[in-house]
Amino acid sequence: MSYNSLVFEIKDGVGLIRLNRPDDGNALTLEMANELLEVALRCDEDPEVRAVVLTGSGKMFCVGGDLRTFAAQGERVSLYLKQVTQAFHAAISRFNWMDAPVVGAINGTAAGGGFSLALAADIAIAAESAKFTMAYTKVGLAPDGSSSYFLARMVGLRRAKEMALLNPVLSARQALEWGLINQVVADDQVLPAALEIASRLAKGPTLALGEAKRLILAGATESLESQMEKESRGVAAMAGNADGREGIAAFLEKRMPKFTGQ
């Protein structure tokens, strides 16, 4: 299936999603949000996809919402933004709850919805030249795309409010220091580095990786006892599947495990 505002391909267990509106900074439109949801569902459903890399075409990762398109809606802008965020949020939710880990290859500026998308990745690798900013309140808007959920958990309440209210622009190195990303690499290495990590993840125990993702996500809001019950059920289920049995056997036999994602 082909898309108008992104490119999607699968190779060696890795699904590569490339936002593809480079002339507009990969700005988010309703079409892109709908296509992002469609490809997120494909990644969730296709057993061939065991890890995902999300990046942008051109010099930007994603500058956020397409403000020209927003302005063109006139009095319908409120309805339009509800449609955009409905699809955008559903895509982010699917990326976070599915088994396949998502690696963000932040190849350039991540602002607004692009900043939110970078935060929502499981692992984030940034180019040296990448910039990070909330930017929502700068144009009179409020945060979306899960940023109000993830940001404070990553940087703390004070810095989250600073980013939301004052809209500082962080360099990749600052973003690393603040805990927004995992690694900074040379500009020409951001996609290779992300693909290398995704390739390692794609060879891992996919079901266990998904369970770990969901446990950490739920742990932000669950009580201690509720979270430990989820952990108990999770580890028991993983021990009983093929990869769990293989992992235990490989450890005892002092060899590398061969996971199949089952």
C-alpha atoms as a PDB file:
ATOM      1  CA  MET A   1       0.000   0.000   0.000  1.00  0.00           C
ATOM      2  CA  SER A   2       1.353   3.423  -0.971  1.00  0.00           C
ATOM      3  CA  TYR A   3       0.937   6.662   0.959  1.00  0.00           C
ATOM      4  CA  ASN A   4       0.946  10.332  -0.005  1.00  0.00           C
ATOM      5  CA  SER A   5       2.603  11.871   3.047  1.00  0.00           C
ATOM      6  CA  LEU A   6       4.872   9.099   4.289  1.00  0.00           C
ATOM      7  CA  VAL A   7       6.921   6.173   3.015  1.00  0.00           C
ATOM      8  CA  PHE A   8       6.803   2.731   4.601  1.00  0.00           C
ATOM      9  CA  GLU A   9       8.949  -0.309   3.945  1.00  0.00           C
ATOM     10  CA  ILE A  10       9.821  -3.529   5.773  1.00  0.00           C
ATOM     11  CA  LYS A  11      13.264  -5.114   5.655  1.00  0.00           C
ATOM     12  CA  ASP A  12      14.756  -7.816   7.879  1.00  0.00           C
ATOM     13  CA  GLY A  13      12.073  -7.457  10.527  1.00  0.00           C
ATOM     14  CA  VAL A  14      12.297  -3.649  10.717  1.00  0.00           C
ATOM     15  CA  GLY A  15       9.481  -1.386   9.549  1.00  0.00           C
ATOM     16  CA  LEU A  16      10.867   1.984   8.406  1.00  0.00           C
ATOM     17  CA  ILE A  17       8.397   4.884   8.504  1.00  0.00           C
ATOM     18  CA  ARG A  18       9.578   8.097   6.875  1.00  0.00           C
ATOM     19  CA  LEU A  19       7.431  11.221   7.173  1.00  0.00           C
ATOM     20  CA  ASN A  20       7.526  12.559   3.639  1.00  0.00           C
ATOM     21  CA  ARG A  21       6.523  16.194   3.260  1.00  0.00           C
ATOM     22  CA  PRO A  22      10.078  17.591   3.219  1.00  0.00           C
ATOM     23  CA  ASP A  23       9.165  20.873   1.514  1.00  0.00           C
ATOM     24  CA  ASP A  24       6.838  21.623   4.437  1.00  0.00           C
ATOM     25  CA  GLY A  25       9.097  20.378   7.215  1.00  0.00           C
ATOM     26  CA  ASN A  26       7.049  17.152   7.372  1.00  0.00           C
ATOM     27  CA  ALA A  27       4.274  19.206   8.956  1.00  0.00           C
ATOM     28  CA  LEU A  28       1.309  17.226  10.220  1.00  0.00           C
ATOM     29  CA  THR A  29      -1.966  17.323   8.274  1.00  0.00           C
ATOM     30  CA  LEU A  30      -5.136  15.273   8.589  1.00  0.00           C
ATOM     31  CA  GLU A  31      -3.938  13.100   5.704  1.00  0.00           C
ATOM     32  CA  MET A  32      -0.598  12.449   7.400  1.00  0.00           C
ATOM     33  CA  ALA A  33      -2.272  11.701  10.733  1.00  0.00           C
ATOM     34  CA  ASN A  34      -4.613   9.203   9.076  1.00  0.00           C
ATOM     35  CA  GLU A  35      -1.740   7.569   7.195  1.00  0.00           C
ATOM     36  CA  LEU A  36       0.361   7.402  10.362  1.00  0.00           C
ATOM     37  CA  LEU A  37      -2.494   5.595  12.091  1.00  0.00           C
ATOM     38  CA  GLU A  38      -2.848   3.194   9.164  1.00  0.00           C
ATOM     39  CA  VAL A  39       0.850   2.336   9.174  1.00  0.00           C
ATOM     40  CA  ALA A  40       0.867   1.982  12.983  1.00  0.00           C
ATOM     41  CA  LEU A  41      -1.921  -0.566  12.672  1.00  0.00           C
ATOM     42  CA  ARG A  42       0.031  -2.394   9.973  1.00  0.00           C
ATOM     43  CA  CYS A  43       3.087  -2.545  12.225  1.00  0.00           C
ATOM     44  CA  ASP A  44       0.954  -3.883  15.063  1.00  0.00           C
ATOM     45  CA  GLU A  45      -0.697  -6.551  12.924  1.00  0.00           C
ATOM     46  CA  ASP A  46       2.135  -7.750  10.691  1.00  0.00           C
ATOM     47  CA  PRO A  47       4.244 -10.449  12.423  1.00  0.00           C
ATOM     48  CA  GLU A  48       7.073  -9.595  10.039  1.00  0.00           C
ATOM     49  CA  VAL A  49       7.483  -6.227  11.797  1.00  0.00           C
ATOM     50  CA  ARG A  50       9.461  -6.812  14.997  1.00  0.00           C
ATOM     51  CA  ALA A  51      10.841  -3.275  15.379  1.00  0.00           C
ATOM     52  CA  VAL A  52      10.034   0.118  13.883  1.00  0.00           C
ATOM     53  CA  VAL A  53      12.140   3.135  12.937  1.00  0.00           C
ATOM     54  CA  LEU A  54      10.403   6.503  12.612  1.00  0.00           C
ATOM     55  CA  THR A  55      12.198   9.371  10.857  1.00  0.00           C
ATOM     56  CA  GLY A  56      11.633  12.323   8.549  1.00  0.00           C
ATOM     57  CA  SER A  57      12.588  13.087   4.958  1.00  0.00           C
ATOM     58  CA  GLY A  58      14.824  16.070   4.259  1.00  0.00           C
ATOM     59  CA  LYS A  59      16.345  18.301   6.918  1.00  0.00           C
ATOM     60  CA  MET A  60      13.497  18.226   9.451  1.00  0.00           C
ATOM     61  CA  PHE A  61      12.024  15.450  11.572  1.00  0.00           C
ATOM     62  CA  CYS A  62       8.632  17.155  11.948  1.00  0.00           C
ATOM     63  CA  VAL A  63       7.886  20.836  12.630  1.00  0.00           C
ATOM     64  CA  GLY A  64       4.469  20.030  14.107  1.00  0.00           C
ATOM     65  CA  GLY A  65       1.044  20.833  12.758  1.00  0.00           C
ATOM     66  CA  ASP A  66       0.667  22.433   9.341  1.00  0.00           C
ATOM     67  CA  LEU A  67      -0.440  25.903  10.451  1.00  0.00           C
ATOM     68  CA  ARG A  68      -1.263  27.004   6.905  1.00  0.00           C
ATOM     69  CA  THR A  69      -3.707  24.136   6.616  1.00  0.00           C
ATOM     70  CA  PHE A  70      -5.119  24.979  10.044  1.00  0.00           C
ATOM     71  CA  ALA A  71      -5.656  28.615   9.049  1.00  0.00           C
ATOM     72  CA  ALA A  72      -7.339  27.589   5.796  1.00  0.00           C
ATOM     73  CA  GLN A  73     -10.076  25.789   7.755  1.00  0.00           C
ATOM     74  CA  GLY A  74     -11.570  29.065   8.945  1.00  0.00           C
ATOM     75  CA  GLU A  75     -14.400  28.474  11.394  1.00  0.00           C
ATOM     76  CA  ARG A  76     -14.047  24.698  10.910  1.00  0.00           C
ATOM     77  CA  VAL A  77     -10.575  24.650  12.469  1.00  0.00           C
ATOM     78  CA  SER A  78     -11.815  23.256  15.793  1.00  0.00           C
ATOM     79  CA  LEU A  79     -13.484  20.309  14.064  1.00  0.00           C
ATOM     80  CA  TYR A  80     -10.425  19.812  11.853  1.00  0.00           C
ATOM     81  CA  LEU A  81      -8.054  19.679  14.814  1.00  0.00           C
ATOM     82  CA  LYS A  82     -10.289  17.179  16.593  1.00  0.00           C
ATOM     83  CA  GLN A  83     -10.053  14.980  13.490  1.00  0.00           C
ATOM     84  CA  VAL A  84      -6.274  15.408  13.279  1.00  0.00           C
ATOM     85  CA  THR A  85      -5.649  14.671  16.951  1.00  0.00           C
ATOM     86  CA  GLN A  86      -8.032  11.731  16.957  1.00  0.00           C
ATOM     87  CA  ALA A  87      -5.944   9.967  14.306  1.00  0.00           C
ATOM     88  CA  PHE A  88      -2.587  11.266  15.574  1.00  0.00           C
ATOM     89  CA  HIS A  89      -3.280  10.198  19.143  1.00  0.00           C
ATOM     90  CA  ALA A  90      -4.555   6.793  18.037  1.00  0.00           C
ATOM     91  CA  ALA A  91      -1.312   6.248  16.103  1.00  0.00           C
ATOM     92  CA  ILE A  92       0.831   7.209  19.103  1.00  0.00           C
ATOM     93  CA  SER A  93      -1.226   4.959  21.348  1.00  0.00           C
ATOM     94  CA  ARG A  94      -0.800   2.040  18.949  1.00  0.00           C
ATOM     95  CA  PHE A  95       2.980   2.587  18.740  1.00  0.00           C
ATOM     96  CA  ASN A  96       3.204   2.491  22.544  1.00  0.00           C
ATOM     97  CA  TRP A  97       0.981  -0.528  23.189  1.00  0.00           C
ATOM     98  CA  MET A  98       2.145  -2.787  20.349  1.00  0.00           C
ATOM     99  CA  ASP A  99       4.913  -5.355  20.806  1.00  0.00           C
ATOM    100  CA  ALA A 100       7.409  -3.958  18.298  1.00  0.00           C
ATOM    101  CA  PRO A 101       9.688  -1.321  19.860  1.00  0.00           C
ATOM    102  CA  VAL A 102       9.753   2.069  18.104  1.00  0.00           C
ATOM    103  CA  VAL A 103      13.091   3.795  17.541  1.00  0.00           C
ATOM    104  CA  GLY A 104      12.930   7.487  16.680  1.00  0.00           C
ATOM    105  CA  ALA A 105      15.638   8.693  14.275  1.00  0.00           C
ATOM    106  CA  ILE A 106      15.338  12.425  14.923  1.00  0.00           C
ATOM    107  CA  ASN A 107      17.088  13.765  11.848  1.00  0.00           C
ATOM    108  CA  GLY A 108      16.313  17.458  12.389  1.00  0.00           C
ATOM    109  CA  THR A 109      13.995  19.881  14.151  1.00  0.00           C
ATOM    110  CA  ALA A 110      11.272  18.267  16.252  1.00  0.00           C
ATOM    111  CA  ALA A 111       8.707  20.915  17.207  1.00  0.00           C
ATOM    112  CA  GLY A 112       5.088  20.821  18.348  1.00  0.00           C
ATOM    113  CA  GLY A 113       3.562  17.544  17.234  1.00  0.00           C
ATOM    114  CA  GLY A 114       6.980  16.456  15.983  1.00  0.00           C
ATOM    115  CA  PHE A 115       8.382  16.999  19.482  1.00  0.00           C
ATOM    116  CA  SER A 116       5.505  14.927  20.864  1.00  0.00           C
ATOM    117  CA  LEU A 117       6.188  12.167  18.348  1.00  0.00           C
ATOM    118  CA  ALA A 118       9.859  12.091  19.360  1.00  0.00           C
ATOM    119  CA  LEU A 119       8.886  11.769  23.038  1.00  0.00           C
ATOM    120  CA  ALA A 120       6.523   8.892  22.240  1.00  0.00           C
ATOM    121  CA  ALA A 121       9.256   6.719  20.698  1.00  0.00           C
ATOM    122  CA  ASP A 122      10.594   3.926  22.915  1.00  0.00           C
ATOM    123  CA  ILE A 123      14.202   4.798  22.034  1.00  0.00           C
ATOM    124  CA  ALA A 124      15.253   8.122  20.480  1.00  0.00           C
ATOM    125  CA  ILE A 125      18.463   8.788  18.534  1.00  0.00           C
ATOM    126  CA  ALA A 126      19.081  12.401  17.477  1.00  0.00           C
ATOM    127  CA  ALA A 127      21.286  14.014  14.883  1.00  0.00           C
ATOM    128  CA  GLU A 128      23.843  16.499  16.226  1.00  0.00           C
ATOM    129  CA  SER A 129      21.994  19.328  14.443  1.00  0.00           C
ATOM    130  CA  ALA A 130      18.526  18.384  15.741  1.00  0.00           C
ATOM    131  CA  LYS A 131      16.535  20.932  17.738  1.00  0.00           C
ATOM    132  CA  PHE A 132      13.710  20.286  20.188  1.00  0.00           C
ATOM    133  CA  THR A 133      10.943  22.676  21.215  1.00  0.00           C
ATOM    134  CA  MET A 134       7.318  22.499  22.358  1.00  0.00           C
ATOM    135  CA  ALA A 135       6.229  25.630  20.423  1.00  0.00           C
ATOM    136  CA  TYR A 136       2.500  25.119  21.068  1.00  0.00           C
ATOM    137  CA  THR A 137       1.857  28.122  23.324  1.00  0.00           C
ATOM    138  CA  LYS A 138       4.123  30.257  21.122  1.00  0.00           C
ATOM    139  CA  VAL A 139       1.321  30.231  18.545  1.00  0.00           C
ATOM    140  CA  GLY A 140      -1.532  30.239  21.050  1.00  0.00           C
ATOM    141  CA  LEU A 141      -2.152  26.500  21.099  1.00  0.00           C
ATOM    142  CA  ALA A 142      -2.024  23.826  23.824  1.00  0.00           C
ATOM    143  CA  PRO A 143       0.119  20.661  23.804  1.00  0.00           C
ATOM    144  CA  ASP A 144      -1.104  17.470  22.162  1.00  0.00           C
ATOM    145  CA  GLY A 145       0.344  14.209  20.876  1.00  0.00           C
ATOM    146  CA  SER A 146       1.027  12.761  24.359  1.00  0.00           C
ATOM    147  CA  SER A 147       3.617  15.426  25.258  1.00  0.00           C
ATOM    148  CA  SER A 148       1.724  16.496  28.387  1.00  0.00           C
ATOM    149  CA  TYR A 149       1.889  12.833  29.497  1.00  0.00           C
ATOM    150  CA  PHE A 150       5.499  11.968  28.705  1.00  0.00           C
ATOM    151  CA  LEU A 151       7.370  15.247  29.146  1.00  0.00           C
ATOM    152  CA  ALA A 152       7.125  15.689  32.925  1.00  0.00           C
ATOM    153  CA  ARG A 153       7.927  12.003  33.404  1.00  0.00           C
ATOM    154  CA  MET A 154      11.140  12.505  31.457  1.00  0.00           C
ATOM    155  CA  VAL A 155      12.377  15.893  32.661  1.00  0.00           C
ATOM    156  CA  GLY A 156      10.428  16.644  35.856  1.00  0.00           C
ATOM    157  CA  LEU A 157       7.581  19.066  36.505  1.00  0.00           C
ATOM    158  CA  ARG A 158       9.636  22.269  36.611  1.00  0.00           C
ATOM    159  CA  ARG A 159      11.377  21.723  33.311  1.00  0.00           C
ATOM    160  CA  ALA A 160       8.172  20.460  31.691  1.00  0.00           C
ATOM    161  CA  LYS A 161       6.407  23.698  32.615  1.00  0.00           C
ATOM    162  CA  GLU A 162       9.390  25.706  31.378  1.00  0.00           C
ATOM    163  CA  MET A 163       9.248  23.956  28.023  1.00  0.00           C
ATOM    164  CA  ALA A 164       5.478  24.335  27.715  1.00  0.00           C
ATOM    165  CA  LEU A 165       5.268  27.961  28.829  1.00  0.00           C
ATOM    166  CA  LEU A 166       8.531  29.538  27.624  1.00  0.00           C
ATOM    167  CA  ASN A 167       9.218  27.328  24.586  1.00  0.00           C
ATOM    168  CA  PRO A 168      13.019  27.114  24.814  1.00  0.00           C
ATOM    169  CA  VAL A 169      14.778  25.514  21.868  1.00  0.00           C
ATOM    170  CA  LEU A 170      17.036  22.697  23.047  1.00  0.00           C
ATOM    171  CA  SER A 171      20.019  21.438  21.113  1.00  0.00           C
ATOM    172  CA  ALA A 172      20.449  17.704  20.735  1.00  0.00           C
ATOM    173  CA  ARG A 173      23.099  17.756  23.472  1.00  0.00           C
ATOM    174  CA  GLN A 174      20.757  19.615  25.833  1.00  0.00           C
ATOM    175  CA  ALA A 175      17.951  17.196  25.014  1.00  0.00           C
ATOM    176  CA  LEU A 176      20.292  14.336  25.908  1.00  0.00           C
ATOM    177  CA  GLU A 177      21.242  15.984  29.211  1.00  0.00           C
ATOM    178  CA  TRP A 178      17.568  16.513  30.061  1.00  0.00           C
ATOM    179  CA  GLY A 179      16.693  12.885  29.330  1.00  0.00           C
ATOM    180  CA  LEU A 180      14.537  13.527  26.267  1.00  0.00           C
ATOM    181  CA  ILE A 181      16.624  11.301  23.992  1.00  0.00           C
ATOM    182  CA  ASN A 182      19.008   8.363  24.378  1.00  0.00           C
ATOM    183  CA  GLN A 183      21.876   9.201  22.086  1.00  0.00           C
ATOM    184  CA  VAL A 184      23.342  11.925  19.833  1.00  0.00           C
ATOM    185  CA  VAL A 185      25.219  11.006  16.669  1.00  0.00           C
ATOM    186  CA  ALA A 186      26.601  12.780  13.616  1.00  0.00           C
ATOM    187  CA  ASP A 187      23.924  13.952  11.205  1.00  0.00           C
ATOM    188  CA  ASP A 188      24.783  11.343   8.578  1.00  0.00           C
ATOM    189  CA  GLN A 189      24.701   8.570  11.171  1.00  0.00           C
ATOM    190  CA  VAL A 190      21.270   9.101  12.736  1.00  0.00           C
ATOM    191  CA  LEU A 191      19.366   6.712  10.484  1.00  0.00           C
ATOM    192  CA  PRO A 192      22.114   4.032  10.396  1.00  0.00           C
ATOM    193  CA  ALA A 193      22.370   4.193  14.201  1.00  0.00           C
ATOM    194  CA  ALA A 194      18.600   3.881  14.620  1.00  0.00           C
ATOM    195  CA  LEU A 195      18.421   1.015  12.131  1.00  0.00           C
ATOM    196  CA  GLU A 196      21.245  -0.805  13.939  1.00  0.00           C
ATOM    197  CA  ILE A 197      19.359  -0.597  17.232  1.00  0.00           C
ATOM    198  CA  ALA A 198      16.103  -1.622  15.556  1.00  0.00           C
ATOM    199  CA  SER A 199      17.850  -4.583  13.930  1.00  0.00           C
ATOM    200  CA  ARG A 200      19.044  -5.760  17.353  1.00  0.00           C
ATOM    201  CA  LEU A 201      15.538  -5.357  18.757  1.00  0.00           C
ATOM    202  CA  ALA A 202      14.023  -7.196  15.778  1.00  0.00           C
ATOM    203  CA  LYS A 203      16.103 -10.238  16.695  1.00  0.00           C
ATOM    204  CA  GLY A 204      14.891 -10.128  20.288  1.00  0.00           C
ATOM    205  CA  PRO A 205      11.929 -11.732  22.104  1.00  0.00           C
ATOM    206  CA  THR A 206       9.221  -9.550  20.543  1.00  0.00           C
ATOM    207  CA  LEU A 207       6.402 -10.536  22.898  1.00  0.00           C
ATOM    208  CA  ALA A 208       8.570  -9.895  25.966  1.00  0.00           C
ATOM    209  CA  LEU A 209       9.685  -6.535  24.587  1.00  0.00           C
ATOM    210  CA  GLY A 210       6.050  -5.562  24.103  1.00  0.00           C
ATOM    211  CA  GLU A 211       5.164  -6.701  27.606  1.00  0.00           C
ATOM    212  CA  ALA A 212       8.051  -4.651  29.037  1.00  0.00           C
ATOM    213  CA  LYS A 213       6.890  -1.573  27.109  1.00  0.00           C
ATOM    214  CA  ARG A 214       3.354  -1.881  28.419  1.00  0.00           C
ATOM    215  CA  LEU A 215       4.430  -2.516  32.015  1.00  0.00           C
ATOM    216  CA  ILE A 216       6.587   0.606  32.062  1.00  0.00           C
ATOM    217  CA  LEU A 217       3.834   2.663  30.439  1.00  0.00           C
ATOM    218  CA  ALA A 218       1.212   1.456  32.925  1.00  0.00           C
ATOM    219  CA  GLY A 219       3.575   1.868  35.865  1.00  0.00           C
ATOM    220  CA  ALA A 220       3.269   5.630  35.692  1.00  0.00           C
ATOM    221  CA  THR A 221      -0.313   5.525  36.959  1.00  0.00           C
ATOM    222  CA  GLU A 222      -0.904   2.144  38.636  1.00  0.00           C
ATOM    223  CA  SER A 223      -0.711   1.459  42.362  1.00  0.00           C
ATOM    224  CA  LEU A 224       2.175  -0.684  43.601  1.00  0.00           C
ATOM    225  CA  GLU A 225       0.031  -3.787  44.114  1.00  0.00           C
ATOM    226  CA  SER A 226      -1.782  -3.401  40.810  1.00  0.00           C
ATOM    227  CA  GLN A 227       1.514  -2.985  38.967  1.00  0.00           C
ATOM    228  CA  MET A 228       3.053  -6.028  40.652  1.00  0.00           C
ATOM    229  CA  GLU A 229       0.024  -8.090  39.673  1.00  0.00           C
ATOM    230  CA  LYS A 230       0.594  -7.037  36.067  1.00  0.00           C
ATOM    231  CA  GLU A 231       4.256  -7.997  36.445  1.00  0.00           C
ATOM    232  CA  SER A 232       3.358 -11.404  37.891  1.00  0.00           C
ATOM    233  CA  ARG A 233       0.993 -12.165  35.031  1.00  0.00           C
ATOM    234  CA  GLY A 234       3.461 -10.842  32.474  1.00  0.00           C
ATOM    235  CA  VAL A 235       6.507 -12.806  33.556  1.00  0.00           C
ATOM    236  CA  ALA A 236       4.460 -15.991  33.896  1.00  0.00           C
ATOM    237  CA  ALA A 237       3.014 -15.603  30.407  1.00  0.00           C
ATOM    238  CA  MET A 238       6.424 -14.862  28.873  1.00  0.00           C
ATOM    239  CA  ALA A 239       8.031 -17.886  30.562  1.00  0.00           C
ATOM    240  CA  GLY A 240       5.431 -20.083  28.945  1.00  0.00           C
ATOM    241  CA  ASN A 241       5.881 -18.926  25.363  1.00  0.00           C
ATOM    242  CA  ALA A 242       8.451 -20.167  22.837  1.00  0.00           C
ATOM    243  CA  ASP A 243      10.898 -17.284  23.258  1.00  0.00           C
ATOM    244  CA  GLY A 244      10.751 -17.509  27.039  1.00  0.00           C
ATOM    245  CA  ARG A 245      11.577 -21.199  26.986  1.00  0.00           C
ATOM    246  CA  GLU A 246      14.353 -20.568  24.464  1.00  0.00           C
ATOM    247  CA  GLY A 247      15.826 -17.731  26.524  1.00  0.00           C
ATOM    248  CA  ILE A 248      15.940 -19.820  29.695  1.00  0.00           C
ATOM    249  CA  ALA A 249      17.400 -22.822  27.868  1.00  0.00           C
ATOM    250  CA  ALA A 250      20.055 -20.700  26.159  1.00  0.00           C
ATOM    251  CA  PHE A 251      21.113 -19.171  29.467  1.00  0.00           C
ATOM    252  CA  LEU A 252      21.448 -22.571  31.122  1.00  0.00           C
ATOM    253  CA  GLU A 253      23.297 -23.984  28.106  1.00  0.00           C
ATOM    254  CA  LYS A 254      25.592 -20.935  27.942  1.00  0.00           C
ATOM    255  CA  ARG A 255      24.743 -20.049  24.350  1.00  0.00           C
ATOM    256  CA  MET A 256      23.127 -17.151  22.496  1.00  0.00           C
ATOM    257  CA  PRO A 257      19.341 -17.456  22.276  1.00  0.00           C
ATOM    258  CA  LYS A 258      17.577 -17.645  18.910  1.00  0.00           C
ATOM    259  CA  PHE A 259      14.313 -15.763  19.352  1.00  0.00           C
ATOM    260  CA  THR A 260      11.504 -16.088  16.824  1.00  0.00           C
ATOM    261  CA  GLY A 261       9.095 -13.474  18.167  1.00  0.00           C
ATOM    262  CA  GLN A 262       6.647 -16.103  19.412  1.00  0.00           C
END
